Amino acid sequence: MKVSILGAGDISKISRYTKLSEEEIKKLIEDLAILLVKKEAEIIIVPARDIPYEVAKIYKQNGGKKVIGVIPKEDKEYGIMHIQEYLHISDEEINIGNWYDLNGKIAAQGDYAICIGLSAGALCDIAMLKYHYKYLNKTTKLFVFKNTISKPLHKELEEDLKGNLEYITKVSQLKRLLK
């Protein structure tokens, strides 16, 4: 099983806009990472300063088998210098072209996509799933930790996700849903 991890770039942003403390968010990240190790999942992330990287660190510390780093190595506009210090976390790298390609494809790289918190990039990742469902027959199931976002996704976006979106609040719920 492959799982794409999406999320905010800043834990403090989640605690500012939700009822969760930074400690509760860190515990959620830890519990998720350990669950993914137990499920023998491979995880897919953008190796950058953000929640997916934190999940990957704990995942590897607990014996996780593979972190796949999706990296826009050909990007001429933004480059990848700002993520250089995070690339070491990857056991395997996928060159996905540029940042626009990355945001359009990372969520759909997994059998499942899990989102903790929102950012502009995570929102792009989620929105682009529509086209993977519609034109590429992808079936990536999206789980969003509802307690890590300020409000549910817009109804228009939920409709575009064609029933592949499920809101959860606890890792124990996710444990039952991952096959």
C-alpha atoms as a PDB file:
ATOM      1  CA  MET A   1       0.000   0.000   0.000  1.00  0.00           C
ATOM      2  CA  LYS A   2       1.214   3.490  -0.875  1.00  0.00           C
ATOM      3  CA  VAL A   3       0.041   6.523   1.051  1.00  0.00           C
ATOM      4  CA  SER A   4       0.553  10.148   0.015  1.00  0.00           C
ATOM      5  CA  ILE A   5       0.918  12.495   2.964  1.00  0.00           C
ATOM      6  CA  LEU A   6      -0.340  16.057   2.472  1.00  0.00           C
ATOM      7  CA  GLY A   7      -0.497  18.923   4.892  1.00  0.00           C
ATOM      8  CA  ALA A   8       0.394  22.274   6.255  1.00  0.00           C
ATOM      9  CA  GLY A   9       3.900  23.635   6.373  1.00  0.00           C
ATOM     10  CA  ASP A  10       3.534  24.921   9.898  1.00  0.00           C
ATOM     11  CA  ILE A  11       2.123  23.157  12.948  1.00  0.00           C
ATOM     12  CA  SER A  12       1.538  26.497  14.684  1.00  0.00           C
ATOM     13  CA  LYS A  13      -0.844  27.532  11.880  1.00  0.00           C
ATOM     14  CA  ILE A  14      -3.023  24.508  12.616  1.00  0.00           C
ATOM     15  CA  SER A  15      -3.152  25.312  16.327  1.00  0.00           C
ATOM     16  CA  ARG A  16      -4.012  28.961  15.571  1.00  0.00           C
ATOM     17  CA  TYR A  17      -7.025  28.019  13.417  1.00  0.00           C
ATOM     18  CA  THR A  18      -8.306  24.900  15.209  1.00  0.00           C
ATOM     19  CA  LYS A  19      -8.919  23.753  18.758  1.00  0.00           C
ATOM     20  CA  LEU A  20      -5.827  21.510  18.773  1.00  0.00           C
ATOM     21  CA  SER A  21      -2.691  22.395  20.674  1.00  0.00           C
ATOM     22  CA  GLU A  22       0.717  21.941  19.077  1.00  0.00           C
ATOM     23  CA  GLU A  23       1.287  18.976  21.416  1.00  0.00           C
ATOM     24  CA  GLU A  24      -1.940  17.319  20.222  1.00  0.00           C
ATOM     25  CA  ILE A  25      -0.934  17.851  16.595  1.00  0.00           C
ATOM     26  CA  LYS A  26       2.514  16.354  17.238  1.00  0.00           C
ATOM     27  CA  LYS A  27       0.840  13.345  18.896  1.00  0.00           C
ATOM     28  CA  LEU A  28      -1.455  12.946  15.881  1.00  0.00           C
ATOM     29  CA  ILE A  29       1.574  13.019  13.563  1.00  0.00           C
ATOM     30  CA  GLU A  30       3.362  10.436  15.702  1.00  0.00           C
ATOM     31  CA  ASP A  31       0.331   8.141  15.887  1.00  0.00           C
ATOM     32  CA  LEU A  32      -0.168   8.381  12.121  1.00  0.00           C
ATOM     33  CA  ALA A  33       3.481   7.557  11.402  1.00  0.00           C
ATOM     34  CA  ILE A  34       3.396   4.526  13.706  1.00  0.00           C
ATOM     35  CA  LEU A  35       0.137   3.293  12.153  1.00  0.00           C
ATOM     36  CA  LEU A  36       1.679   3.515   8.679  1.00  0.00           C
ATOM     37  CA  VAL A  37       4.669   1.471   9.866  1.00  0.00           C
ATOM     38  CA  LYS A  38       2.344  -1.175  11.333  1.00  0.00           C
ATOM     39  CA  LYS A  39       0.345  -1.267   8.085  1.00  0.00           C
ATOM     40  CA  GLU A  40       3.648  -1.729   6.185  1.00  0.00           C
ATOM     41  CA  ALA A  41       2.740   1.203   3.970  1.00  0.00           C
ATOM     42  CA  GLU A  42       5.175   3.059   1.762  1.00  0.00           C
ATOM     43  CA  ILE A  43       4.718   6.796   2.157  1.00  0.00           C
ATOM     44  CA  ILE A  44       4.956   9.483  -0.489  1.00  0.00           C
ATOM     45  CA  ILE A  45       5.881  13.050   0.451  1.00  0.00           C
ATOM     46  CA  VAL A  46       7.345  16.258  -0.838  1.00  0.00           C
ATOM     47  CA  PRO A  47      10.545  16.389   1.235  1.00  0.00           C
ATOM     48  CA  ALA A  48      10.203  19.925   2.567  1.00  0.00           C
ATOM     49  CA  ARG A  49       9.650  21.728   5.861  1.00  0.00           C
ATOM     50  CA  ASP A  50       6.182  20.589   6.668  1.00  0.00           C
ATOM     51  CA  ILE A  51       3.967  18.031   8.335  1.00  0.00           C
ATOM     52  CA  PRO A  52       4.582  15.280   5.752  1.00  0.00           C
ATOM     53  CA  TYR A  53       8.314  15.523   6.514  1.00  0.00           C
ATOM     54  CA  GLU A  54       7.591  15.213  10.247  1.00  0.00           C
ATOM     55  CA  VAL A  55       5.466  12.109   9.564  1.00  0.00           C
ATOM     56  CA  ALA A  56       8.317  10.666   7.483  1.00  0.00           C
ATOM     57  CA  LYS A  57      10.904  11.267  10.234  1.00  0.00           C
ATOM     58  CA  ILE A  58       8.869   9.408  12.841  1.00  0.00           C
ATOM     59  CA  TYR A  59       7.923   6.729  10.322  1.00  0.00           C
ATOM     60  CA  LYS A  60      11.599   6.019   9.619  1.00  0.00           C
ATOM     61  CA  GLN A  61      12.555   6.151  13.313  1.00  0.00           C
ATOM     62  CA  ASN A  62      10.021   3.381  13.899  1.00  0.00           C
ATOM     63  CA  GLY A  63      11.172   1.109  11.078  1.00  0.00           C
ATOM     64  CA  GLY A  64       9.079   2.366   8.165  1.00  0.00           C
ATOM     65  CA  LYS A  65      10.061   0.556   4.996  1.00  0.00           C
ATOM     66  CA  LYS A  66      10.092   3.280   2.327  1.00  0.00           C
ATOM     67  CA  VAL A  67       9.759   7.038   1.979  1.00  0.00           C
ATOM     68  CA  ILE A  68       9.266   8.102  -1.617  1.00  0.00           C
ATOM     69  CA  GLY A  69      10.214  11.727  -2.186  1.00  0.00           C
ATOM     70  CA  VAL A  70       8.424  13.488  -5.019  1.00  0.00           C
ATOM     71  CA  ILE A  71      10.760  16.233  -6.186  1.00  0.00           C
ATOM     72  CA  PRO A  72      10.334  18.823  -8.954  1.00  0.00           C
ATOM     73  CA  LYS A  73      13.966  18.620 -10.102  1.00  0.00           C
ATOM     74  CA  GLU A  74      13.349  20.340 -13.425  1.00  0.00           C
ATOM     75  CA  ASP A  75      11.643  23.419 -11.998  1.00  0.00           C
ATOM     76  CA  LYS A  76      13.222  26.576 -13.411  1.00  0.00           C
ATOM     77  CA  GLU A  77      10.928  29.075 -11.707  1.00  0.00           C
ATOM     78  CA  TYR A  78      11.202  28.197  -8.001  1.00  0.00           C
ATOM     79  CA  GLY A  79      13.919  25.545  -8.041  1.00  0.00           C
ATOM     80  CA  ILE A  80      14.566  23.126  -5.204  1.00  0.00           C
ATOM     81  CA  MET A  81      17.299  24.884  -3.227  1.00  0.00           C
ATOM     82  CA  HIS A  82      14.814  25.606  -0.428  1.00  0.00           C
ATOM     83  CA  ILE A  83      14.210  21.851   0.103  1.00  0.00           C
ATOM     84  CA  GLN A  84      17.796  20.589  -0.225  1.00  0.00           C
ATOM     85  CA  GLU A  85      18.185  19.992   3.519  1.00  0.00           C
ATOM     86  CA  TYR A  86      15.141  17.673   3.538  1.00  0.00           C
ATOM     87  CA  LEU A  87      15.980  15.435   0.576  1.00  0.00           C
ATOM     88  CA  HIS A  88      17.922  12.958   2.744  1.00  0.00           C
ATOM     89  CA  ILE A  89      14.659  11.546   4.138  1.00  0.00           C
ATOM     90  CA  SER A  90      13.811   9.868   0.817  1.00  0.00           C
ATOM     91  CA  ASP A  91      14.659   6.235   0.169  1.00  0.00           C
ATOM     92  CA  GLU A  92      13.532   6.680  -3.419  1.00  0.00           C
ATOM     93  CA  GLU A  93      13.003   9.826  -5.455  1.00  0.00           C
ATOM     94  CA  ILE A  94      10.519  10.545  -8.199  1.00  0.00           C
ATOM     95  CA  ASN A  95      11.381  13.503 -10.414  1.00  0.00           C
ATOM     96  CA  ILE A  96       8.018  15.026 -11.151  1.00  0.00           C
ATOM     97  CA  GLY A  97       9.143  17.931 -13.342  1.00  0.00           C
ATOM     98  CA  ASN A  98       8.120  21.264 -11.816  1.00  0.00           C
ATOM     99  CA  TRP A  99       6.136  22.495  -8.816  1.00  0.00           C
ATOM    100  CA  TYR A 100       2.959  22.785 -10.871  1.00  0.00           C
ATOM    101  CA  ASP A 101       3.238  19.152 -11.951  1.00  0.00           C
ATOM    102  CA  LEU A 102       3.945  18.150  -8.368  1.00  0.00           C
ATOM    103  CA  ASN A 103       0.839  19.854  -6.974  1.00  0.00           C
ATOM    104  CA  GLY A 104      -1.207  18.232  -9.697  1.00  0.00           C
ATOM    105  CA  LYS A 105       0.037  14.729  -9.078  1.00  0.00           C
ATOM    106  CA  ILE A 106       1.303  14.010  -5.568  1.00  0.00           C
ATOM    107  CA  ALA A 107      -2.021  13.099  -3.948  1.00  0.00           C
ATOM    108  CA  ALA A 108      -2.855  10.661  -6.740  1.00  0.00           C
ATOM    109  CA  GLN A 109       0.507   8.864  -6.407  1.00  0.00           C
ATOM    110  CA  GLY A 110      -0.862   6.854  -3.482  1.00  0.00           C
ATOM    111  CA  ASP A 111      -3.628   4.346  -3.009  1.00  0.00           C
ATOM    112  CA  TYR A 112      -4.647   6.700  -0.223  1.00  0.00           C
ATOM    113  CA  ALA A 113      -3.919  10.359   0.495  1.00  0.00           C
ATOM    114  CA  ILE A 114      -3.970  11.656   4.055  1.00  0.00           C
ATOM    115  CA  CYS A 115      -4.142  15.361   4.864  1.00  0.00           C
ATOM    116  CA  ILE A 116      -3.240  17.021   8.172  1.00  0.00           C
ATOM    117  CA  GLY A 117      -3.881  20.754   8.059  1.00  0.00           C
ATOM    118  CA  LEU A 118      -4.155  22.889   4.960  1.00  0.00           C
ATOM    119  CA  SER A 119      -1.795  25.051   2.985  1.00  0.00           C
ATOM    120  CA  ALA A 120      -1.941  26.449  -0.516  1.00  0.00           C
ATOM    121  CA  GLY A 121      -0.001  23.432  -1.793  1.00  0.00           C
ATOM    122  CA  ALA A 122      -2.165  20.878   0.032  1.00  0.00           C
ATOM    123  CA  LEU A 123      -5.296  22.528  -1.295  1.00  0.00           C
ATOM    124  CA  CYS A 124      -3.916  22.317  -4.856  1.00  0.00           C
ATOM    125  CA  ASP A 125      -3.028  18.657  -4.274  1.00  0.00           C
ATOM    126  CA  ILE A 126      -6.572  17.902  -3.113  1.00  0.00           C
ATOM    127  CA  ALA A 127      -8.307  19.922  -5.845  1.00  0.00           C
ATOM    128  CA  MET A 128      -6.357  18.226  -8.613  1.00  0.00           C
ATOM    129  CA  LEU A 129      -7.648  14.810  -7.523  1.00  0.00           C
ATOM    130  CA  LYS A 130     -10.821  15.737  -9.423  1.00  0.00           C
ATOM    131  CA  TYR A 131      -9.026  15.371 -12.739  1.00  0.00           C
ATOM    132  CA  HIS A 132      -7.340  12.132 -11.765  1.00  0.00           C
ATOM    133  CA  TYR A 133     -10.761  10.693 -10.932  1.00  0.00           C
ATOM    134  CA  LYS A 134     -12.470  12.116 -14.014  1.00  0.00           C
ATOM    135  CA  TYR A 135      -9.888  11.504 -16.744  1.00  0.00           C
ATOM    136  CA  LEU A 136      -7.430   8.927 -15.428  1.00  0.00           C
ATOM    137  CA  ASN A 137      -9.778   6.632 -13.501  1.00  0.00           C
ATOM    138  CA  LYS A 138      -7.690   6.949 -10.344  1.00  0.00           C
ATOM    139  CA  THR A 139      -9.311   5.732  -7.150  1.00  0.00           C
ATOM    140  CA  THR A 140      -7.116   7.394  -4.524  1.00  0.00           C
ATOM    141  CA  LYS A 141      -9.173   7.711  -1.343  1.00  0.00           C
ATOM    142  CA  LEU A 142      -8.622  10.998   0.493  1.00  0.00           C
ATOM    143  CA  PHE A 143      -8.756  11.192   4.280  1.00  0.00           C
ATOM    144  CA  VAL A 144      -8.729  14.659   5.812  1.00  0.00           C
ATOM    145  CA  PHE A 145      -8.263  15.121   9.536  1.00  0.00           C
ATOM    146  CA  LYS A 146     -11.193  17.503   9.968  1.00  0.00           C
ATOM    147  CA  ASN A 147      -9.969  18.613  13.383  1.00  0.00           C
ATOM    148  CA  THR A 148      -6.787  20.008  11.764  1.00  0.00           C
ATOM    149  CA  ILE A 149      -8.532  22.429   9.418  1.00  0.00           C
ATOM    150  CA  SER A 150     -10.546  25.549  10.259  1.00  0.00           C
ATOM    151  CA  LYS A 151     -13.657  24.295   8.467  1.00  0.00           C
ATOM    152  CA  PRO A 152     -14.637  21.515   6.050  1.00  0.00           C
ATOM    153  CA  LEU A 153     -13.654  21.839   2.426  1.00  0.00           C
ATOM    154  CA  HIS A 154     -16.022  23.831   0.241  1.00  0.00           C
ATOM    155  CA  LYS A 155     -19.082  21.871  -0.891  1.00  0.00           C
ATOM    156  CA  GLU A 156     -18.104  22.477  -4.525  1.00  0.00           C
ATOM    157  CA  LEU A 157     -14.766  20.759  -3.935  1.00  0.00           C
ATOM    158  CA  GLU A 158     -16.340  17.930  -1.947  1.00  0.00           C
ATOM    159  CA  GLU A 159     -18.637  17.262  -4.914  1.00  0.00           C
ATOM    160  CA  ASP A 160     -15.659  17.170  -7.285  1.00  0.00           C
ATOM    161  CA  LEU A 161     -14.021  14.499  -5.140  1.00  0.00           C
ATOM    162  CA  LYS A 162     -16.853  12.126  -6.113  1.00  0.00           C
ATOM    163  CA  GLY A 163     -17.277  10.310  -2.833  1.00  0.00           C
ATOM    164  CA  ASN A 164     -13.547   9.657  -2.436  1.00  0.00           C
ATOM    165  CA  LEU A 165     -13.286  12.076   0.509  1.00  0.00           C
ATOM    166  CA  GLU A 166     -13.716  11.042   4.103  1.00  0.00           C
ATOM    167  CA  TYR A 167     -13.297  13.263   7.126  1.00  0.00           C
ATOM    168  CA  ILE A 168     -11.768  11.717  10.219  1.00  0.00           C
ATOM    169  CA  THR A 169     -10.566  13.070  13.547  1.00  0.00           C
ATOM    170  CA  LYS A 170      -8.566  10.186  15.031  1.00  0.00           C
ATOM    171  CA  VAL A 171      -5.896   7.785  13.863  1.00  0.00           C
ATOM    172  CA  SER A 172      -7.991   4.939  15.313  1.00  0.00           C
ATOM    173  CA  GLN A 173     -10.653   5.731  12.677  1.00  0.00           C
ATOM    174  CA  LEU A 174      -8.024   5.608   9.954  1.00  0.00           C
ATOM    175  CA  LYS A 175      -6.746   2.274  11.243  1.00  0.00           C
ATOM    176  CA  ARG A 176     -10.116   0.689  10.461  1.00  0.00           C
ATOM    177  CA  LEU A 177     -10.365   2.333   7.026  1.00  0.00           C
ATOM    178  CA  LEU A 178      -6.942   1.469   5.579  1.00  0.00           C
ATOM    179  CA  LYS A 179      -6.937  -1.932   3.928  1.00  0.00           C
END
